[in-house]
C-alpha cells in the first residue's frame, strides 16, 4: 500500500514533532518514529517497505498500516493506492478579508511599546486619582434599570467582540486563519476563537496568540480610564466608564479559571508541554469512574503526572461552577424574571412607561442571553447523543 499526503507542516519541539494541515489544522504530536514514518511514506515507499525499514533502524515492530489509517481519519492522506483519502473540512475563517500583511505591525516592538505605555499611564492615573478608581457601586450608574441593563449588554458584547478580535488579529498576523464562534464552558456562555492553526507556529508566537485577548481587554480598559478624564468623576458618563473598566477587569480575571478552557488554560497547557490536557484529564476522570480506559499509558512520561494532578482540580472546578449556577445563578435569574414581569404588569396597568420600558428591556436581554445559552447546550447534548449512537 502506498500513500500520498495533503500539504502538511511540521516542526520539532522538545519532546517530538507537531505535524498538521496548514493553515487551520488539525495537528497531532508525534514521536520521532512517527515523523520518520511520514517521511518514508512521503518518499513513495509502501507500508510494507516502511515497516521493514523501521524494524531495521530501531528493532521495533511499527504497525504502519494502522498509523496510516489514523492519519486518514484526520484528513492527512490525499490518496491511498490511488484512491482519495478521507476529506476533513477545515473551518471557514472569520473576516477572511483581513490579511496577514494588514496586521504585521501588531506583533512588532513599536506596538508592544505603545501598549505598555498606555497600560502604565492608566495605572499611574488610577493610583494618583482615587476618585477615578472603579468600584462595585459604579455598576449601577443610572436611575433607569432598563438603561443600565441595555447599555451594559451592548458594552459587554462590544468588549467580548474586541477580545476575540485580538486573538484573531494576532493569529492572522502570523498567517493563522482563526474562526470566531459562540459556545459554552459548562454552564457559561462564551465567545471563542479557534486558532488551532497556531500549532504550526513556534511556542513564543503561540503564547502571543493566547495573550492577545487579555492584552486587548487591558488596552480598552486603559482607553476608558483616559476617556473618563473628560467628564465629571461623579457624573453618569464617568461612572459608566468605570463600570466598563471593572467589567473588563473581572473578565480578565475569569480567564485564569484554569479548570475551564480559558486563555489562561491554553497558555498553561502549552507551557507545560501538554497537547490536550483538558481532554486527557476528562478521559482520566472517566477511567476513575470505571467508564473508560486509562489514557496515561499512551501519554509521554512527562505529561502523565501533570494530567493526574490536573484531573482532580478540573473536577472540583466543574462541581463548583455547576453548583454556583444552581445555587446562585438560577435564583438570581428567577428573581430578575419576577421583577421584570412585575414592571411590565405595573407599566401596562398605569400606564407607567418607565416601568414598562424597564420590564420589556429586562425580559428581552434575559431572553437573548439565556435563550442562546440553552440553545447551545441543547445542540451540544443532541450532538453528543448522535455521536454515541453512531459511534
Protein backbone atom coordinates (compact mmCIF):
# COMPACT_ATOMS: atom_id res chain seq x y z
CA UNK A 1 0.00 0.00 0.00
CA UNK A 2 1.33 3.43 -0.97
CA UNK A 3 0.01 6.81 0.12
CA UNK A 4 0.35 10.47 -0.76
CA UNK A 5 -0.20 13.24 1.76
CA UNK A 6 -2.03 16.54 1.65
CA UNK A 7 0.16 19.57 2.28
CA UNK A 8 1.49 19.17 5.82
CA UNK A 9 3.58 21.39 8.05
CA UNK A 10 5.89 20.04 10.73
CA UNK A 11 8.25 21.47 13.31
CA UNK A 12 10.23 19.94 16.10
CA UNK A 13 9.62 20.66 19.78
CA UNK A 14 11.36 19.43 22.91
CA UNK A 15 9.55 16.09 23.11
CA UNK A 16 8.75 15.31 19.48
CA UNK A 17 7.09 16.77 16.42
CA UNK A 18 3.99 18.86 15.77
CA UNK A 19 2.51 17.87 12.41
CA UNK A 20 -0.65 19.19 10.83
CA UNK A 21 -2.56 20.55 7.88
CA UNK A 22 -1.81 24.13 7.07
CA UNK A 23 -3.21 26.58 7.75
CA UNK A 24 -6.07 25.64 10.12
CA UNK A 25 -5.32 22.10 11.30
CA UNK A 26 -5.88 19.59 12.71
CA UNK A 27 -2.49 18.96 14.30
CA UNK A 28 -1.01 15.97 16.10
CA UNK A 29 2.03 15.42 18.30
CA UNK A 30 4.25 12.62 17.06
CA UNK A 31 7.41 10.96 18.38
CA UNK A 32 10.49 10.77 16.19
CA UNK A 33 9.48 7.38 14.78
CA UNK A 34 6.12 8.81 13.70
CA UNK A 35 7.84 11.59 11.78
CA UNK A 36 10.22 9.08 10.24
CA UNK A 37 7.24 7.02 9.10
CA UNK A 38 5.64 10.02 7.38
CA UNK A 39 8.91 10.93 5.65
CA UNK A 40 9.42 7.39 4.37
CA UNK A 41 5.84 7.13 3.13
CA UNK A 42 6.07 10.57 1.51
CA UNK A 43 9.19 9.36 -0.34
CA UNK A 44 7.00 6.82 -2.14
CA UNK A 45 7.74 3.67 -0.17
CA UNK A 46 4.97 1.16 0.50
CA UNK A 47 3.73 0.42 4.01
CA UNK A 48 5.49 -2.95 3.90
CA UNK A 49 8.77 -1.33 2.90
CA UNK A 50 8.44 1.30 5.62
CA UNK A 51 7.67 -1.40 8.20
CA UNK A 52 10.81 -3.28 7.23
CA UNK A 53 12.96 -0.14 7.23
CA UNK A 54 11.77 0.94 10.67
CA UNK A 55 12.42 -2.54 12.02
CA UNK A 56 15.94 -2.41 10.58
CA UNK A 57 16.62 1.02 12.11
CA UNK A 58 15.04 0.57 15.54
CA UNK A 59 14.50 -3.13 16.03
CA UNK A 60 10.82 -2.48 16.81
CA UNK A 61 7.55 -3.53 15.22
CA UNK A 62 5.63 -0.49 13.97
CA UNK A 63 2.08 -1.02 12.72
CA UNK A 64 2.42 1.25 9.70
CA UNK A 65 -0.96 0.32 8.23
CA UNK A 66 -2.77 1.30 11.46
CA UNK A 67 -0.75 4.52 11.57
CA UNK A 68 -1.84 5.35 8.02
CA UNK A 69 -5.47 4.63 8.93
CA UNK A 70 -5.28 7.01 11.91
CA UNK A 71 -3.79 9.75 9.72
CA UNK A 72 -6.51 9.18 7.13
CA UNK A 73 -9.25 9.69 9.73
CA UNK A 74 -7.98 13.23 10.42
CA UNK A 75 -7.59 14.12 6.74
CA UNK A 76 -3.79 13.89 6.35
CA UNK A 77 -3.93 11.40 3.47
CA UNK A 78 -4.64 12.59 -0.07
CA UNK A 79 -4.61 9.15 -1.75
CA UNK A 80 -4.25 5.52 -0.70
CA UNK A 81 -3.22 3.31 -3.63
CA UNK A 82 -4.61 5.97 -5.94
CA UNK A 83 -7.98 6.21 -4.18
CA UNK A 84 -8.94 9.50 -2.47
CA UNK A 85 -8.42 9.62 1.27
CA UNK A 86 -10.91 10.87 3.84
CA UNK A 87 -11.82 14.52 3.36
CA UNK A 88 -11.95 16.58 6.55
CA UNK A 89 -13.32 20.09 6.05
CA UNK A 90 -11.39 22.95 7.61
CA UNK A 91 -13.34 25.68 9.42
CA UNK A 92 -14.23 28.78 7.43
CA UNK A 93 -12.13 31.71 8.69
CA UNK A 94 -13.80 34.76 10.21
CA UNK A 95 -13.17 38.09 8.48
CA UNK A 96 -11.33 36.46 5.55
CA UNK A 97 -10.62 39.88 4.03
CA UNK A 98 -8.32 40.66 6.97
CA UNK A 99 -4.88 39.73 5.64
CA UNK A 100 -1.63 38.99 7.41
CA UNK A 101 0.01 41.97 5.75
CA UNK A 102 -2.59 44.29 7.27
CA UNK A 103 -1.71 43.19 10.80
CA UNK A 104 2.02 42.58 10.95
CA UNK A 105 2.51 45.82 12.84
CA UNK A 106 0.60 44.34 15.79
CA UNK A 107 3.39 41.86 16.56
CA UNK A 108 6.33 44.22 16.18
CA UNK A 109 8.11 46.01 19.01
CA UNK A 110 6.65 49.54 18.48
CA UNK A 111 3.13 48.17 19.11
CA UNK A 112 4.35 46.49 22.31
CA UNK A 113 5.93 49.76 23.48
CA UNK A 114 2.72 51.72 22.86
CA UNK A 115 0.66 49.05 24.66
CA UNK A 116 2.96 49.06 27.71
CA UNK A 117 2.99 52.87 27.84
CA UNK A 118 -0.82 53.05 27.70
CA UNK A 119 -1.31 50.45 30.44
CA UNK A 120 1.34 52.05 32.67
CA UNK A 121 -0.16 55.52 32.22
CA UNK A 122 -3.64 54.25 33.11
CA UNK A 123 -2.33 52.52 36.25
CA UNK A 124 -0.47 55.66 37.35
CA UNK A 125 -3.61 57.73 36.80
CA UNK A 126 -5.74 55.37 38.92
CA UNK A 127 -3.13 55.33 41.70
CA UNK A 128 -2.95 59.12 41.81
CA UNK A 129 -6.70 59.74 41.41
CA UNK A 130 -8.73 57.59 43.85
CA UNK A 131 -12.00 59.11 42.62
CA UNK A 132 -11.32 57.57 39.19
CA UNK A 133 -10.94 54.03 40.51
CA UNK A 134 -13.80 51.64 39.68
CA UNK A 135 -15.88 50.01 42.41
CA UNK A 136 -18.91 47.77 42.68
CA UNK A 137 -21.19 50.76 43.28
CA UNK A 138 -20.30 52.02 39.78
CA UNK A 139 -22.21 49.10 38.22
CA UNK A 140 -25.45 50.95 38.97
CA UNK A 141 -24.57 54.13 37.11
CA UNK A 142 -28.09 55.39 36.22
CA UNK A 143 -31.52 55.52 37.86
CA UNK A 144 -33.17 53.63 34.98
CA UNK A 145 -32.70 49.89 35.32
CA UNK A 146 -33.59 49.46 31.64
CA UNK A 147 -30.89 51.90 30.57
CA UNK A 148 -28.25 50.25 32.76
CA UNK A 149 -29.16 46.75 31.60
CA UNK A 150 -29.32 47.67 27.91
CA UNK A 151 -26.09 49.66 27.86
CA UNK A 152 -24.28 47.00 29.92
CA UNK A 153 -25.42 44.29 27.49
CA UNK A 154 -24.23 46.32 24.49
CA UNK A 155 -20.91 47.18 26.16
CA UNK A 156 -20.32 43.56 27.17
CA UNK A 157 -20.98 42.43 23.59
CA UNK A 158 -18.52 45.01 22.23
CA UNK A 159 -15.83 44.14 24.79
CA UNK A 160 -16.17 40.40 24.13
CA UNK A 161 -16.04 41.02 20.37
CA UNK A 162 -12.86 43.09 20.75
CA UNK A 163 -11.34 40.37 22.97
CA UNK A 164 -11.90 37.74 20.30
CA UNK A 165 -10.76 40.15 17.58
CA UNK A 166 -7.50 40.47 19.50
CA UNK A 167 -6.92 36.71 19.26
CA UNK A 168 -7.97 36.68 15.62
CA UNK A 169 -5.82 39.65 14.61
CA UNK A 170 -2.60 38.38 16.20
CA UNK A 171 -3.17 34.87 14.84
CA UNK A 172 -3.86 36.33 11.37
CA UNK A 173 -0.68 38.42 11.62
CA UNK A 174 1.20 35.12 11.85
CA UNK A 175 -0.75 33.61 8.96
CA UNK A 176 -3.23 31.56 11.04
CA UNK A 177 -6.85 31.90 9.81
CA UNK A 178 -8.91 31.77 13.04
CA UNK A 179 -12.67 31.31 13.40
CA UNK A 180 -14.88 33.09 15.97
CA UNK A 181 -17.96 31.24 17.28
CA UNK A 182 -20.29 31.13 20.27
CA UNK A 183 -20.01 28.17 22.62
CA UNK A 184 -20.29 27.18 26.28
CA UNK A 185 -17.96 26.32 29.12
CA UNK A 186 -20.12 24.07 31.29
CA UNK A 187 -22.98 26.47 32.16
CA UNK A 188 -21.25 29.64 30.92
CA UNK A 189 -21.99 31.27 27.56
CA UNK A 190 -18.73 32.29 25.84
CA UNK A 191 -17.34 33.54 22.58
CA UNK A 192 -14.27 31.65 21.37
CA UNK A 193 -11.71 31.91 18.62
CA UNK A 194 -10.50 28.64 17.10
CA UNK A 195 -6.79 29.16 16.42
CA UNK A 196 -5.85 25.51 16.05
CA UNK A 197 -3.53 26.56 13.23
CA UNK A 198 -1.33 28.27 15.85
CA UNK A 199 0.22 24.84 16.49
CA UNK A 200 2.15 25.44 13.26
CA UNK A 201 3.90 28.36 14.98
CA UNK A 202 6.84 28.35 17.38
CA UNK A 203 5.80 28.40 21.03
CA UNK A 204 6.76 32.06 21.51
CA UNK A 205 4.27 33.09 18.84
CA UNK A 206 1.58 30.76 20.18
CA UNK A 207 1.90 32.46 23.56
CA UNK A 208 1.31 35.84 21.92
CA UNK A 209 -1.89 34.49 20.34
CA UNK A 210 -3.13 33.21 23.71
CA UNK A 211 -2.41 36.52 25.47
CA UNK A 212 -3.79 38.76 22.71
CA UNK A 213 -7.36 38.75 24.06
CA UNK A 214 -6.40 39.88 27.55
CA UNK A 215 -3.97 42.41 26.10
CA UNK A 216 -6.84 43.87 24.08
CA UNK A 217 -9.07 43.96 27.17
CA UNK A 218 -6.45 45.92 29.12
CA UNK A 219 -5.96 48.38 26.28
CA UNK A 220 -9.73 49.01 26.08
CA UNK A 221 -9.83 49.47 29.86
CA UNK A 222 -6.99 51.98 29.65
CA UNK A 223 -8.90 53.84 26.95
CA UNK A 224 -11.94 54.05 29.24
CA UNK A 225 -9.75 55.43 32.04
CA UNK A 226 -8.42 58.15 29.75
CA UNK A 227 -11.90 58.90 28.36
CA UNK A 228 -13.19 59.39 31.90
CA UNK A 229 -10.89 62.40 32.32
CA UNK A 230 -13.20 64.37 30.05
CA UNK A 231 -16.14 64.04 32.42
CA UNK A 232 -17.02 64.88 36.00
CA UNK A 233 -15.92 61.93 38.15
CA UNK A 234 -19.31 61.92 39.90
CA UNK A 235 -21.34 62.09 36.68
CA UNK A 236 -23.17 59.25 34.97
CA UNK A 237 -20.79 59.03 31.99
CA UNK A 238 -17.65 58.75 34.11
CA UNK A 239 -19.41 56.24 36.39
CA UNK A 240 -20.45 54.19 33.36
CA UNK A 241 -16.86 54.19 32.09
CA UNK A 242 -15.62 52.99 35.47
CA UNK A 243 -18.23 50.22 35.34
CA UNK A 244 -16.79 49.18 31.96
CA UNK A 245 -13.28 49.10 33.44
CA UNK A 246 -14.50 46.96 36.34
CA UNK A 247 -16.34 44.59 34.00
CA UNK A 248 -13.23 44.21 31.85
CA UNK A 249 -11.09 43.55 34.92
CA UNK A 250 -13.42 40.84 36.20
CA UNK A 251 -13.49 39.29 32.72
CA UNK A 252 -9.70 39.28 32.58
CA UNK A 253 -9.56 37.51 35.95
CA UNK A 254 -12.02 34.89 34.70
CA UNK A 255 -9.52 33.94 32.01
CA UNK A 256 -7.47 32.33 34.78
CA UNK A 257 -10.19 29.84 35.71
CA UNK A 258 -7.80 27.10 34.62
CA UNK A 259 -10.31 24.29 35.13
CA UNK A 260 -12.11 25.61 32.03
CA UNK A 261 -10.65 26.03 28.54
CA UNK A 262 -9.88 29.72 29.02
CA UNK A 263 -7.00 31.75 27.61
CA UNK A 264 -5.03 31.05 30.78
CA UNK A 265 -5.68 27.33 30.42
CA UNK A 266 -4.31 27.23 26.87
CA UNK A 267 -1.24 29.19 27.99
CA UNK A 268 -0.55 26.82 30.90
CA UNK A 269 -1.21 23.77 28.74
CA UNK A 270 1.30 24.91 26.14
CA UNK A 271 3.99 25.96 28.61
CA UNK A 272 3.63 22.63 30.44
CA UNK A 273 4.23 20.75 27.19
CA UNK A 274 0.83 19.05 27.20
CA UNK A 275 -1.13 18.66 23.95
CA UNK A 276 -4.68 18.03 25.17
CA UNK A 277 -4.65 18.50 28.93
CA UNK A 278 -8.41 19.04 29.28
CA UNK A 279 -9.32 16.06 27.09
CA UNK A 280 -6.79 13.72 28.71
CA UNK A 281 -7.92 14.77 32.21
CA UNK A 282 -11.54 14.16 31.22
CA UNK A 283 -10.69 10.66 29.99
CA UNK A 284 -8.79 10.01 33.24
CA UNK A 285 -11.81 11.07 35.30
CA UNK A 286 -14.00 8.71 33.28
CA UNK A 287 -11.44 5.95 33.94
CA UNK A 288 -11.56 6.64 37.67
CA UNK A 289 -15.36 6.39 37.42
CA UNK A 290 -14.86 3.00 35.68
CA UNK A 291 -16.31 4.29 32.42
CA UNK A 292 -13.30 4.07 30.16
CA UNK A 293 -9.63 3.10 29.75
CA UNK A 294 -6.75 4.86 31.45
CA UNK A 295 -5.25 7.40 28.98
CA UNK A 296 -1.93 7.76 30.80
CA UNK A 297 -0.07 4.77 29.30
CA UNK A 298 -0.44 6.39 25.86
CA UNK A 299 0.95 9.74 27.04
CA UNK A 300 4.59 10.86 27.20
CA UNK A 301 6.00 10.19 30.69
CA UNK A 302 6.29 13.90 31.48
CA UNK A 303 2.59 14.50 30.78
CA UNK A 304 1.28 11.67 32.96
CA UNK A 305 1.93 13.39 36.28
CA UNK A 306 0.54 16.71 35.02
CA UNK A 307 -2.68 15.06 33.82
CA UNK A 308 -3.02 13.14 37.10
CA UNK A 309 -2.71 16.36 39.09
CA UNK A 310 -4.93 18.45 36.82
CA UNK A 311 -7.82 15.97 36.69
CA UNK A 312 -8.96 16.44 40.36
CA UNK A 313 -8.51 20.21 40.03
CA UNK A 314 -10.69 20.22 36.90
CA UNK A 315 -13.34 18.09 38.62
CA UNK A 316 -13.52 20.36 41.68
CA UNK A 317 -13.72 23.45 39.46
CA UNK A 318 -16.50 21.91 37.39
CA UNK A 319 -18.51 20.98 40.51
CA UNK A 320 -18.13 24.49 41.92
CA UNK A 321 -19.14 26.08 38.59
CA UNK A 322 -22.26 23.95 38.20
CA UNK A 323 -23.06 24.39 41.90
CA UNK A 324 -22.81 28.19 41.60
CA UNK A 325 -25.12 28.03 38.59
CA UNK A 326 -27.72 26.04 40.52
CA UNK A 327 -27.44 27.86 43.85
CA UNK A 328 -26.75 31.42 42.70
CA UNK A 329 -27.44 31.97 39.01
CA UNK A 330 -30.82 30.25 38.76
CA UNK A 331 -32.32 32.01 41.84
CA UNK A 332 -30.98 35.34 40.55
CA UNK A 333 -32.48 34.62 37.12
CA UNK A 334 -35.85 33.77 38.65
CA UNK A 335 -35.74 36.96 40.73
CA UNK A 336 -34.89 39.07 37.67
CA UNK A 337 -37.73 37.50 35.70
CA UNK A 338 -40.18 38.19 38.54
CA UNK A 339 -39.04 41.81 38.83
CA UNK A 340 -39.14 42.38 35.07
CA UNK A 341 -42.55 40.74 34.79
CA UNK A 342 -43.83 42.90 37.65
CA UNK A 343 -42.52 46.00 35.89
CA UNK A 344 -44.40 45.05 32.73
CA UNK A 345 -47.64 44.48 34.67
CA UNK A 346 -47.33 47.80 36.50
CA UNK A 347 -46.40 49.57 33.30
CA UNK A 348 -49.46 48.28 31.48
CA UNK A 349 -51.87 48.93 34.38
CA UNK A 350 -50.76 52.55 34.88
CA UNK A 351 -49.75 53.18 32.26
CA UNK A 352 -46.27 53.81 33.68
CA UNK A 353 -43.97 53.98 30.70
CA UNK A 354 -40.72 53.86 32.68
CA UNK A 355 -41.75 50.65 34.45
CA UNK A 356 -42.90 49.16 31.16
CA UNK A 357 -39.59 50.01 29.48
CA UNK A 358 -37.62 48.52 32.40
CA UNK A 359 -39.62 45.31 32.24
CA UNK A 360 -39.55 44.88 28.46
CA UNK A 361 -35.83 45.59 28.20
CA UNK A 362 -35.08 43.28 31.12
CA UNK A 363 -37.08 40.42 29.66
CA UNK A 364 -35.54 40.94 26.21
CA UNK A 365 -31.95 40.90 27.48
CA UNK A 366 -32.57 37.84 29.65
CA UNK A 367 -34.33 36.06 26.77
CA UNK A 368 -31.48 36.69 24.33
CA UNK A 369 -28.71 35.70 26.74
CA UNK A 370 -30.26 32.65 28.38
CA UNK A 371 -32.05 31.59 25.20
CA UNK A 372 -28.71 31.46 23.38
CA UNK A 373 -27.15 29.52 26.25
CA UNK A 374 -29.97 26.95 26.32
CA UNK A 375 -29.88 26.58 22.52
CA UNK A 376 -26.14 25.89 22.52
CA UNK A 377 -26.39 23.44 25.42
CA UNK A 378 -29.23 21.58 23.69
CA UNK A 379 -27.31 21.42 20.42
CA UNK A 380 -24.22 20.07 22.19
CA UNK A 381 -26.29 17.46 24.04
CA UNK A 382 -28.01 16.31 20.84
CA UNK A 383 -24.65 16.15 19.07
CA UNK A 384 -23.20 14.00 21.86
CA UNK A 385 -26.18 11.65 21.76
CA UNK A 386 -25.92 11.38 17.97
CA UNK A 387 -22.20 10.56 18.16
CA UNK A 388 -22.87 7.93 20.85
CA UNK A 389 -25.49 6.23 18.65
CA UNK A 390 -23.26 6.25 15.56
CA UNK A 391 -20.03 5.52 17.40
